[in-house]
Amino acid sequence: MITEPVESLMLKIMNQYNSQPEGWSVLTDHKGNLLVLGPNDGYMMRMIPINPQEHTGVGVKIDNPQEIRRFVDGAPSYGFRPLSSGQTKKLLNSFRQREQHRLVSELLEKKPLSIPELQKKKPKVVLGGPYIRHPDLSTISESQRLLEAKLKIESEKLFRKRYPLRASIYG
């Protein structure tokens, strides 16, 4: 299994998403792990934040993502959904009135769109997600635990290579 920098892996994932924006799930944990499950493929990445808008790290394509799909079974599909002005106002008001569960469920039933489709529509507001927060992705299976350990080592190597001065701060 060969790791790949997250920057190039994310481009592949976005191209796949744009060609088929339905059927995606994204899981994260507090350790910087990101699991992206598409309709046909899965990817596991270890992200190291550089600043709030930039990350580095490595990832791999998962050969058999079906084992992991049971964790997201029944969850709304991840994606980008344009919101009208009226939907945006309703959503913001629902947070004040604590009625957001029904409205968010309704909005997540909307079909997610590809990035090119969004660019054509030029919406003022886009609802992205949902991200499924998992306490520890390594507990999913033994193979996940082993994969996480490998990605941790490889992402730290890449971080030290690309950002040697920053890496020296952390020892």
C-alpha atoms as a PDB file:
ATOM      1  CA  MET A   1       0.000   0.000   0.000  1.00  0.00           C
ATOM      2  CA  ILE A   2       1.554   3.248  -1.183  1.00  0.00           C
ATOM      3  CA  THR A   3       0.656   6.508   0.516  1.00  0.00           C
ATOM      4  CA  GLU A   4       0.002   9.670  -1.417  1.00  0.00           C
ATOM      5  CA  PRO A   5       0.074  13.339  -0.319  1.00  0.00           C
ATOM      6  CA  VAL A   6      -3.418  14.539   0.678  1.00  0.00           C
ATOM      7  CA  GLU A   7      -3.214  17.443  -1.762  1.00  0.00           C
ATOM      8  CA  SER A   8      -3.165  15.131  -4.797  1.00  0.00           C
ATOM      9  CA  LEU A   9      -5.533  12.626  -3.207  1.00  0.00           C
ATOM     10  CA  MET A  10      -8.122  15.363  -2.540  1.00  0.00           C
ATOM     11  CA  LEU A  11      -8.033  16.327  -6.230  1.00  0.00           C
ATOM     12  CA  LYS A  12      -8.842  12.727  -7.172  1.00  0.00           C
ATOM     13  CA  ILE A  13     -11.648  12.597  -4.628  1.00  0.00           C
ATOM     14  CA  MET A  14     -13.129  15.905  -5.826  1.00  0.00           C
ATOM     15  CA  ASN A  15     -13.042  14.706  -9.445  1.00  0.00           C
ATOM     16  CA  GLN A  16     -14.902  11.538  -8.419  1.00  0.00           C
ATOM     17  CA  TYR A  17     -17.373  13.586  -6.360  1.00  0.00           C
ATOM     18  CA  ASN A  18     -18.008  15.945  -9.278  1.00  0.00           C
ATOM     19  CA  SER A  19     -18.769  13.038 -11.604  1.00  0.00           C
ATOM     20  CA  GLN A  20     -21.135  11.430  -9.058  1.00  0.00           C
ATOM     21  CA  PRO A  21     -22.081  13.727  -6.130  1.00  0.00           C
ATOM     22  CA  GLU A  22     -24.514  11.331  -4.447  1.00  0.00           C
ATOM     23  CA  GLY A  23     -23.599   8.499  -2.103  1.00  0.00           C
ATOM     24  CA  TRP A  24     -20.679  10.037  -0.194  1.00  0.00           C
ATOM     25  CA  SER A  25     -19.881   9.888   3.524  1.00  0.00           C
ATOM     26  CA  VAL A  26     -17.108  11.661   5.431  1.00  0.00           C
ATOM     27  CA  LEU A  27     -15.998  10.570   8.903  1.00  0.00           C
ATOM     28  CA  THR A  28     -13.472  12.390  11.076  1.00  0.00           C
ATOM     29  CA  ASP A  29     -11.961  11.889  14.496  1.00  0.00           C
ATOM     30  CA  HIS A  30     -10.096  14.138  16.922  1.00  0.00           C
ATOM     31  CA  LYS A  31      -6.678  12.772  15.875  1.00  0.00           C
ATOM     32  CA  GLY A  32      -6.670  14.197  12.332  1.00  0.00           C
ATOM     33  CA  ASN A  33      -7.952  11.112  10.570  1.00  0.00           C
ATOM     34  CA  LEU A  34     -10.373  11.560   7.701  1.00  0.00           C
ATOM     35  CA  LEU A  35     -12.267   8.695   6.114  1.00  0.00           C
ATOM     36  CA  VAL A  36     -13.972   9.481   2.799  1.00  0.00           C
ATOM     37  CA  LEU A  37     -16.349   6.892   1.382  1.00  0.00           C
ATOM     38  CA  GLY A  38     -17.592   7.400  -2.151  1.00  0.00           C
ATOM     39  CA  PRO A  39     -20.170   5.358  -4.016  1.00  0.00           C
ATOM     40  CA  ASN A  40     -17.435   3.016  -5.277  1.00  0.00           C
ATOM     41  CA  ASP A  41     -14.167   3.826  -3.487  1.00  0.00           C
ATOM     42  CA  GLY A  42     -12.920   4.740  -0.047  1.00  0.00           C
ATOM     43  CA  TYR A  43      -9.941   6.771   1.177  1.00  0.00           C
ATOM     44  CA  MET A  44      -8.259   7.117   4.547  1.00  0.00           C
ATOM     45  CA  MET A  45      -6.156  10.206   5.232  1.00  0.00           C
ATOM     46  CA  ARG A  46      -4.113  11.564   8.100  1.00  0.00           C
ATOM     47  CA  MET A  47      -4.251  15.364   8.132  1.00  0.00           C
ATOM     48  CA  ILE A  48      -1.779  17.695   9.864  1.00  0.00           C
ATOM     49  CA  PRO A  49      -2.981  21.310  10.090  1.00  0.00           C
ATOM     50  CA  ILE A  50      -0.573  23.968   8.852  1.00  0.00           C
ATOM     51  CA  ASN A  51      -3.017  26.831   9.460  1.00  0.00           C
ATOM     52  CA  PRO A  52      -6.832  26.999   9.597  1.00  0.00           C
ATOM     53  CA  GLN A  53      -7.133  26.828   5.794  1.00  0.00           C
ATOM     54  CA  GLU A  54      -4.228  24.513   4.934  1.00  0.00           C
ATOM     55  CA  HIS A  55      -3.356  20.924   5.766  1.00  0.00           C
ATOM     56  CA  THR A  56      -0.705  18.450   4.782  1.00  0.00           C
ATOM     57  CA  GLY A  57      -0.553  14.723   5.299  1.00  0.00           C
ATOM     58  CA  VAL A  58      -0.915  11.469   3.463  1.00  0.00           C
ATOM     59  CA  GLY A  59      -3.638   9.040   2.523  1.00  0.00           C
ATOM     60  CA  VAL A  60      -4.401   5.821   0.736  1.00  0.00           C
ATOM     61  CA  LYS A  61      -7.184   4.324  -1.298  1.00  0.00           C
ATOM     62  CA  ILE A  62      -8.977   1.633   0.694  1.00  0.00           C
ATOM     63  CA  ASP A  63      -9.348  -1.596  -1.220  1.00  0.00           C
ATOM     64  CA  ASN A  64     -12.539  -2.808   0.456  1.00  0.00           C
ATOM     65  CA  PRO A  65     -14.601   0.061   1.937  1.00  0.00           C
ATOM     66  CA  GLN A  66     -17.721  -2.135   2.401  1.00  0.00           C
ATOM     67  CA  GLU A  67     -16.505  -3.156   5.882  1.00  0.00           C
ATOM     68  CA  ILE A  68     -16.658   0.504   6.957  1.00  0.00           C
ATOM     69  CA  ARG A  69     -19.932   1.399   5.232  1.00  0.00           C
ATOM     70  CA  ARG A  70     -21.955  -0.176   8.048  1.00  0.00           C
ATOM     71  CA  PHE A  71     -20.931   2.760  10.261  1.00  0.00           C
ATOM     72  CA  VAL A  72     -22.605   5.261   7.945  1.00  0.00           C
ATOM     73  CA  ASP A  73     -25.593   3.184   6.900  1.00  0.00           C
ATOM     74  CA  GLY A  74     -28.698   5.379   7.023  1.00  0.00           C
ATOM     75  CA  ALA A  75     -26.770   8.645   7.414  1.00  0.00           C
ATOM     76  CA  PRO A  76     -27.534  11.478   4.986  1.00  0.00           C
ATOM     77  CA  SER A  77     -25.237  11.687   1.994  1.00  0.00           C
ATOM     78  CA  TYR A  78     -22.329  14.127   2.295  1.00  0.00           C
ATOM     79  CA  GLY A  79     -22.361  16.890  -0.295  1.00  0.00           C
ATOM     80  CA  PHE A  80     -22.932  20.503  -1.223  1.00  0.00           C
ATOM     81  CA  ARG A  81     -26.511  21.763  -1.368  1.00  0.00           C
ATOM     82  CA  PRO A  82     -27.422  25.264  -2.516  1.00  0.00           C
ATOM     83  CA  LEU A  83     -29.840  27.139  -0.267  1.00  0.00           C
ATOM     84  CA  SER A  84     -32.260  29.838  -1.337  1.00  0.00           C
ATOM     85  CA  SER A  85     -32.528  33.055   0.671  1.00  0.00           C
ATOM     86  CA  GLY A  86     -35.747  31.765   2.224  1.00  0.00           C
ATOM     87  CA  GLN A  87     -34.162  28.458   3.234  1.00  0.00           C
ATOM     88  CA  THR A  88     -31.190  30.300   4.713  1.00  0.00           C
ATOM     89  CA  LYS A  89     -33.442  32.563   6.807  1.00  0.00           C
ATOM     90  CA  LYS A  90     -35.505  29.566   7.961  1.00  0.00           C
ATOM     91  CA  LEU A  91     -32.339  27.692   8.924  1.00  0.00           C
ATOM     92  CA  LEU A  92     -30.888  30.599  10.883  1.00  0.00           C
ATOM     93  CA  ASN A  93     -34.209  31.237  12.634  1.00  0.00           C
ATOM     94  CA  SER A  94     -34.551  27.546  13.495  1.00  0.00           C
ATOM     95  CA  PHE A  95     -31.362  27.723  15.575  1.00  0.00           C
ATOM     96  CA  ARG A  96     -32.880  30.482  17.704  1.00  0.00           C
ATOM     97  CA  GLN A  97     -36.114  28.568  18.094  1.00  0.00           C
ATOM     98  CA  ARG A  98     -34.429  25.158  18.594  1.00  0.00           C
ATOM     99  CA  GLU A  99     -36.379  23.644  15.690  1.00  0.00           C
ATOM    100  CA  GLN A 100     -33.390  22.894  13.517  1.00  0.00           C
ATOM    101  CA  HIS A 101     -33.612  19.086  13.593  1.00  0.00           C
ATOM    102  CA  ARG A 102     -36.621  18.884  11.261  1.00  0.00           C
ATOM    103  CA  LEU A 103     -35.360  21.618   8.951  1.00  0.00           C
ATOM    104  CA  VAL A 104     -31.815  20.242   8.735  1.00  0.00           C
ATOM    105  CA  SER A 105     -33.222  16.792   7.949  1.00  0.00           C
ATOM    106  CA  GLU A 106     -35.337  18.346   5.192  1.00  0.00           C
ATOM    107  CA  LEU A 107     -32.350  20.224   3.746  1.00  0.00           C
ATOM    108  CA  LEU A 108     -30.145  17.124   3.830  1.00  0.00           C
ATOM    109  CA  GLU A 109     -32.742  15.298   1.725  1.00  0.00           C
ATOM    110  CA  LYS A 110     -31.906  17.683  -1.130  1.00  0.00           C
ATOM    111  CA  LYS A 111     -29.730  16.113  -3.799  1.00  0.00           C
ATOM    112  CA  PRO A 112     -26.054  17.141  -3.412  1.00  0.00           C
ATOM    113  CA  LEU A 113     -24.558  18.926  -6.417  1.00  0.00           C
ATOM    114  CA  SER A 114     -21.149  18.771  -8.046  1.00  0.00           C
ATOM    115  CA  ILE A 115     -18.864  21.803  -7.819  1.00  0.00           C
ATOM    116  CA  PRO A 116     -19.408  22.697 -11.520  1.00  0.00           C
ATOM    117  CA  GLU A 117     -23.192  22.541 -11.020  1.00  0.00           C
ATOM    118  CA  LEU A 118     -22.887  24.854  -7.999  1.00  0.00           C
ATOM    119  CA  GLN A 119     -20.768  27.284  -9.990  1.00  0.00           C
ATOM    120  CA  LYS A 120     -23.473  27.456 -12.674  1.00  0.00           C
ATOM    121  CA  LYS A 121     -26.212  28.145 -10.107  1.00  0.00           C
ATOM    122  CA  LYS A 122     -24.102  30.714  -8.222  1.00  0.00           C
ATOM    123  CA  PRO A 123     -25.959  30.309  -4.914  1.00  0.00           C
ATOM    124  CA  LYS A 124     -25.302  32.809  -2.152  1.00  0.00           C
ATOM    125  CA  VAL A 125     -25.302  30.061   0.490  1.00  0.00           C
ATOM    126  CA  VAL A 126     -24.195  26.424   0.262  1.00  0.00           C
ATOM    127  CA  LEU A 127     -24.842  23.828   2.927  1.00  0.00           C
ATOM    128  CA  GLY A 128     -21.875  21.447   3.093  1.00  0.00           C
ATOM    129  CA  GLY A 129     -21.708  18.148   4.911  1.00  0.00           C
ATOM    130  CA  PRO A 130     -22.592  16.367   7.033  1.00  0.00           C
ATOM    131  CA  TYR A 131     -19.299  15.274   8.524  1.00  0.00           C
ATOM    132  CA  ILE A 132     -19.774  12.300  10.801  1.00  0.00           C
ATOM    133  CA  ARG A 133     -17.684  12.754  13.933  1.00  0.00           C
ATOM    134  CA  HIS A 134     -16.356   9.458  15.278  1.00  0.00           C
ATOM    135  CA  PRO A 135     -14.520   9.287  18.604  1.00  0.00           C
ATOM    136  CA  ASP A 136     -11.713   7.082  17.235  1.00  0.00           C
ATOM    137  CA  LEU A 137     -11.631   5.710  13.681  1.00  0.00           C
ATOM    138  CA  SER A 138      -9.002   3.120  14.671  1.00  0.00           C
ATOM    139  CA  THR A 139     -11.656   1.232  16.672  1.00  0.00           C
ATOM    140  CA  ILE A 140     -13.624   0.355  13.533  1.00  0.00           C
ATOM    141  CA  SER A 141     -11.444  -2.687  12.830  1.00  0.00           C
ATOM    142  CA  GLU A 142      -7.959  -4.100  13.260  1.00  0.00           C
ATOM    143  CA  SER A 143      -7.110  -3.193   9.659  1.00  0.00           C
ATOM    144  CA  GLN A 144      -8.172   0.416  10.366  1.00  0.00           C
ATOM    145  CA  ARG A 145      -5.908   0.510  13.418  1.00  0.00           C
ATOM    146  CA  LEU A 146      -2.941  -0.734  11.404  1.00  0.00           C
ATOM    147  CA  LEU A 147      -3.684   1.672   8.557  1.00  0.00           C
ATOM    148  CA  GLU A 148      -3.936   4.602  10.972  1.00  0.00           C
ATOM    149  CA  ALA A 149      -0.546   3.739  12.488  1.00  0.00           C
ATOM    150  CA  LYS A 150       1.084   3.635   9.037  1.00  0.00           C
ATOM    151  CA  LEU A 151      -0.538   6.925   7.962  1.00  0.00           C
ATOM    152  CA  LYS A 152       0.574   8.618  11.185  1.00  0.00           C
ATOM    153  CA  ILE A 153       4.220   7.706  10.524  1.00  0.00           C
ATOM    154  CA  GLU A 154       4.082   8.686   6.848  1.00  0.00           C
ATOM    155  CA  SER A 155       2.266  11.992   7.480  1.00  0.00           C
ATOM    156  CA  GLU A 156       4.821  12.986  10.129  1.00  0.00           C
ATOM    157  CA  LYS A 157       7.667  12.164   7.689  1.00  0.00           C
ATOM    158  CA  LEU A 158       6.049  14.379   5.050  1.00  0.00           C
ATOM    159  CA  PHE A 159       5.454  17.192   7.573  1.00  0.00           C
ATOM    160  CA  ARG A 160       9.109  17.108   8.677  1.00  0.00           C
ATOM    161  CA  LYS A 161      10.275  17.140   5.058  1.00  0.00           C
ATOM    162  CA  ARG A 162       8.012  20.009   3.938  1.00  0.00           C
ATOM    163  CA  TYR A 163       8.114  22.087   7.126  1.00  0.00           C
ATOM    164  CA  PRO A 164      11.411  21.290   8.907  1.00  0.00           C
ATOM    165  CA  LEU A 165      11.410  24.471  10.997  1.00  0.00           C
ATOM    166  CA  ARG A 166       7.868  23.950  12.226  1.00  0.00           C
ATOM    167  CA  ALA A 167       8.498  20.260  12.833  1.00  0.00           C
ATOM    168  CA  SER A 168      11.519  21.060  15.023  1.00  0.00           C
ATOM    169  CA  ILE A 169       9.258  23.039  17.370  1.00  0.00           C
ATOM    170  CA  TYR A 170       7.296  19.865  18.155  1.00  0.00           C
ATOM    171  CA  GLY A 171      10.387  17.731  18.722  1.00  0.00           C
END
